Amino acid sequence: MQSDPTTRAKRPTDVGLLIIDLINDLDFPGAGPLRQACRGIAEDLVQFRAEADRAAAPTIYVNDNFGQWRAERDEIIAHAGRAESPARDIVDKLKPRPDDFFVIKPRFSGFYATPLPVLLPQLGVQRLILTGVATDICVLFTAADAHMRQYDLWVPENLVASDDPQRNAWALEIMRNSMGACTASSHELAFSDWRA
């Protein structure tokens, strides 16, 4: 019998890492600035994900279905990482590992019409670290829904991206001031210190 990956006994931390919409080919008109911003956060996020692994925190990919209503996890990953994908280098660095969770969302928030509200309590998660894109859309909407559900939030400013630096800063300010989110960079605050 295969073990249940959601078993709380395996999770000594109450923190979950969400990676939002980074399994994405970023192949649409005007995507250039967002691709560059994603490249700017990718390496830091790889290192941060390793910190989460060391703390036995679950990594949960929360990803758009890009209008492909029949798409499954493997199809989304394969499409975003295909040879001609403009963001293949980003996807190759950040693609989910076999033990990572993958939640497909139909709209902006990771909580809307997804199993995330059921999965997080099963994992024992009470605090969330939000990373990914776009800071001013999907990260912001997910943060708002998480805040309404009383999750403590950390949105590391160096692990989120937007195609517009001004909107990126604006969204971080809203999450910090209106939702009580910590927005310190992962260079300023270690995963283990936020957990303490």
Protein backbone atom coordinates (compact mmCIF):
# COMPACT_ATOMS: atom_id res chain seq x y z
CA MET A 1 0.00 0.00 0.00
CA GLN A 2 1.36 3.41 -0.97
CA SER A 3 1.70 6.02 1.78
CA ASP A 4 -0.49 9.10 1.77
CA PRO A 5 1.63 12.20 0.96
CA THR A 6 -0.73 14.42 2.95
CA THR A 7 -0.12 12.62 6.26
CA ARG A 8 0.52 15.28 8.90
CA ALA A 9 3.04 13.14 10.77
CA LYS A 10 5.43 13.58 7.85
CA ARG A 11 5.13 17.36 7.96
CA PRO A 12 6.88 18.82 11.02
CA THR A 13 6.14 22.37 9.86
CA ASP A 14 2.93 24.35 9.48
CA VAL A 15 4.32 26.30 6.51
CA GLY A 16 3.47 25.67 2.86
CA LEU A 17 5.27 27.10 -0.17
CA LEU A 18 3.04 28.11 -3.09
CA ILE A 19 4.60 28.61 -6.52
CA ILE A 20 2.03 30.45 -8.62
CA ASP A 21 1.81 30.31 -12.43
CA LEU A 22 5.51 29.79 -13.15
CA ILE A 23 4.88 26.66 -15.20
CA ASN A 24 4.03 28.88 -18.11
CA ASP A 25 5.38 29.33 -21.63
CA LEU A 26 4.88 33.11 -21.33
CA ASP A 27 4.09 33.10 -25.03
CA PHE A 28 1.66 35.94 -25.58
CA PRO A 29 1.86 39.48 -26.98
CA GLY A 30 3.78 41.77 -24.65
CA ALA A 31 5.17 38.93 -22.50
CA GLY A 32 8.81 39.99 -22.88
CA PRO A 33 9.01 42.10 -19.69
CA LEU A 34 7.31 39.38 -17.65
CA ARG A 35 9.70 36.72 -19.02
CA GLN A 36 12.65 38.86 -17.99
CA ALA A 37 11.17 39.44 -14.54
CA CYS A 38 10.63 35.68 -14.14
CA ARG A 39 14.22 34.97 -15.12
CA GLY A 40 15.19 37.46 -12.43
CA ILE A 41 13.49 35.46 -9.67
CA ALA A 42 14.07 31.89 -10.89
CA GLU A 43 17.46 31.16 -9.32
CA ASP A 44 16.49 32.63 -5.94
CA LEU A 45 13.31 30.57 -6.02
CA VAL A 46 15.22 27.35 -6.76
CA GLN A 47 17.38 28.02 -3.70
CA PHE A 48 14.37 28.94 -1.57
CA ARG A 49 12.52 25.78 -2.61
CA ALA A 50 15.55 23.82 -1.37
CA GLU A 51 15.21 25.60 2.00
CA ALA A 52 11.55 24.57 2.13
CA ASP A 53 12.59 20.99 1.33
CA ARG A 54 15.07 20.98 4.22
CA ALA A 55 12.28 22.12 6.54
CA ALA A 56 9.95 19.38 5.17
CA ALA A 57 7.51 22.08 4.04
CA PRO A 58 5.25 21.04 1.17
CA THR A 59 5.76 22.76 -2.17
CA ILE A 60 2.46 23.35 -3.92
CA TYR A 61 2.36 24.55 -7.51
CA VAL A 62 -0.79 26.55 -8.18
CA ASN A 63 -1.05 26.89 -11.91
CA ASP A 64 -3.41 28.28 -14.50
CA ASN A 65 -4.91 25.89 -17.01
CA PHE A 66 -4.48 28.53 -19.76
CA GLY A 67 -7.96 27.76 -21.06
CA GLN A 68 -7.13 24.09 -21.65
CA TRP A 69 -9.99 22.66 -19.60
CA ARG A 70 -9.01 19.03 -20.14
CA ALA A 71 -5.32 19.56 -19.36
CA GLU A 72 -3.64 17.62 -16.57
CA ARG A 73 -0.43 18.36 -14.64
CA ASP A 74 1.90 16.54 -17.04
CA GLU A 75 0.35 18.16 -20.12
CA ILE A 76 0.70 21.65 -18.65
CA ILE A 77 4.35 21.02 -17.72
CA ALA A 78 5.14 19.49 -21.13
CA HIS A 79 3.52 22.38 -23.01
CA ALA A 80 5.30 25.07 -20.97
CA GLY A 81 8.65 23.29 -21.27
CA ARG A 82 8.49 22.31 -24.93
CA ALA A 83 11.54 23.06 -27.09
CA GLU A 84 10.04 26.16 -28.73
CA SER A 85 8.67 27.65 -25.48
CA PRO A 86 10.05 31.16 -24.88
CA ALA A 87 10.18 30.37 -21.15
CA ARG A 88 11.63 26.87 -21.39
CA ASP A 89 14.70 27.85 -19.36
CA ILE A 90 12.49 29.05 -16.50
CA VAL A 91 10.31 25.94 -16.59
CA ASP A 92 13.36 23.66 -16.67
CA LYS A 93 14.70 25.27 -13.48
CA LEU A 94 11.42 25.29 -11.61
CA LYS A 95 9.39 22.34 -12.85
CA PRO A 96 7.66 20.30 -10.16
CA ARG A 97 9.34 17.24 -8.71
CA PRO A 98 7.40 13.98 -8.20
CA ASP A 99 6.58 14.73 -4.54
CA ASP A 100 5.39 18.29 -5.16
CA PHE A 101 1.69 19.03 -5.21
CA PHE A 102 0.10 20.58 -8.30
CA VAL A 103 -3.21 22.44 -8.17
CA ILE A 104 -4.79 23.63 -11.41
CA LYS A 105 -6.75 26.86 -11.10
CA PRO A 106 -9.31 28.20 -13.58
CA ARG A 107 -9.02 31.88 -12.62
CA PHE A 108 -6.78 34.30 -10.75
CA SER A 109 -6.93 33.04 -7.16
CA GLY A 110 -5.38 29.74 -6.14
CA PHE A 111 -8.38 29.21 -3.84
CA TYR A 112 -11.18 29.79 -6.35
CA ALA A 113 -12.73 26.52 -7.63
CA THR A 114 -9.64 24.46 -6.68
CA PRO A 115 -8.88 21.78 -4.06
CA LEU A 116 -6.42 24.11 -2.29
CA PRO A 117 -8.81 24.94 0.61
CA VAL A 118 -9.09 21.20 1.33
CA LEU A 119 -5.45 20.31 0.67
CA LEU A 120 -3.85 22.87 3.00
CA PRO A 121 -5.56 21.64 6.21
CA GLN A 122 -4.77 18.05 5.22
CA LEU A 123 -1.10 19.04 5.07
CA GLY A 124 -1.32 20.87 8.40
CA VAL A 125 -0.49 24.17 6.71
CA GLN A 126 -1.41 27.30 8.66
CA ARG A 127 1.10 29.73 7.18
CA LEU A 128 1.77 30.36 3.51
CA ILE A 129 4.69 31.65 1.50
CA LEU A 130 3.48 32.97 -1.86
CA THR A 131 5.85 33.15 -4.82
CA GLY A 132 5.45 33.43 -8.59
CA VAL A 133 3.56 35.62 -11.04
CA ALA A 134 2.04 38.00 -11.53
CA THR A 135 2.42 39.89 -8.27
CA ASP A 136 -0.38 42.31 -9.12
CA ILE A 137 -2.85 39.68 -10.35
CA CYS A 138 -2.71 36.01 -9.36
CA VAL A 139 -0.37 36.40 -6.39
CA LEU A 140 -2.45 39.31 -5.07
CA PHE A 141 -5.80 37.51 -5.49
CA THR A 142 -4.42 34.35 -3.88
CA ALA A 143 -3.04 36.42 -1.00
CA ALA A 144 -6.42 38.10 -0.47
CA ASP A 145 -8.22 34.76 -0.33
CA ALA A 146 -5.55 33.34 2.00
CA HIS A 147 -5.85 36.39 4.25
CA MET A 148 -9.64 35.97 4.44
CA ARG A 149 -9.01 32.38 5.56
CA GLN A 150 -6.66 33.69 8.29
CA TYR A 151 -3.39 32.31 6.93
CA ASP A 152 -0.23 34.13 7.97
CA LEU A 153 1.52 35.29 4.80
CA TRP A 154 5.03 35.87 3.56
CA VAL A 155 5.39 37.17 0.01
CA PRO A 156 9.17 37.53 -0.48
CA GLU A 157 9.65 40.53 -2.74
CA ASN A 158 12.50 38.83 -4.64
CA LEU A 159 10.41 35.73 -5.40
CA VAL A 160 7.46 37.39 -7.13
CA ALA A 161 7.37 39.16 -10.47
CA SER A 162 5.19 41.35 -12.64
CA ASP A 163 5.60 42.89 -16.06
CA ASP A 164 5.50 46.36 -14.50
CA PRO A 165 7.77 47.34 -11.58
CA GLN A 166 5.33 50.02 -10.36
CA ARG A 167 2.39 47.59 -10.20
CA ASN A 168 4.67 45.02 -8.58
CA ALA A 169 5.55 47.48 -5.81
CA TRP A 170 1.90 48.55 -5.48
CA ALA A 171 0.72 44.96 -5.03
CA LEU A 172 3.41 44.24 -2.43
CA GLU A 173 2.36 47.38 -0.55
CA ILE A 174 -1.28 46.25 -0.50
CA MET A 175 -0.36 42.80 0.76
CA ARG A 176 1.91 44.28 3.42
CA ASN A 177 -0.42 47.06 4.62
CA SER A 178 -3.86 45.52 4.12
CA MET A 179 -3.18 41.82 4.71
CA GLY A 180 -0.34 41.98 7.21
CA ALA A 181 1.93 40.02 4.87
CA CYS A 182 5.65 39.97 5.42
CA THR A 183 7.30 41.04 2.16
CA ALA A 184 10.95 40.83 3.21
CA SER A 185 13.31 39.41 0.63
CA SER A 186 14.47 35.83 1.13
CA HIS A 187 17.97 37.36 1.33
CA GLU A 188 16.89 39.39 4.37
CA LEU A 189 14.79 36.75 6.13
CA ALA A 190 15.62 33.06 6.20
CA PHE A 191 12.92 30.42 5.83
CA SER A 192 13.86 29.00 9.24
CA ASP A 193 13.54 32.44 10.89
CA TRP A 194 10.03 33.04 9.52
CA ARG A 195 9.02 29.58 10.72
CA ALA A 196 10.20 30.30 14.28
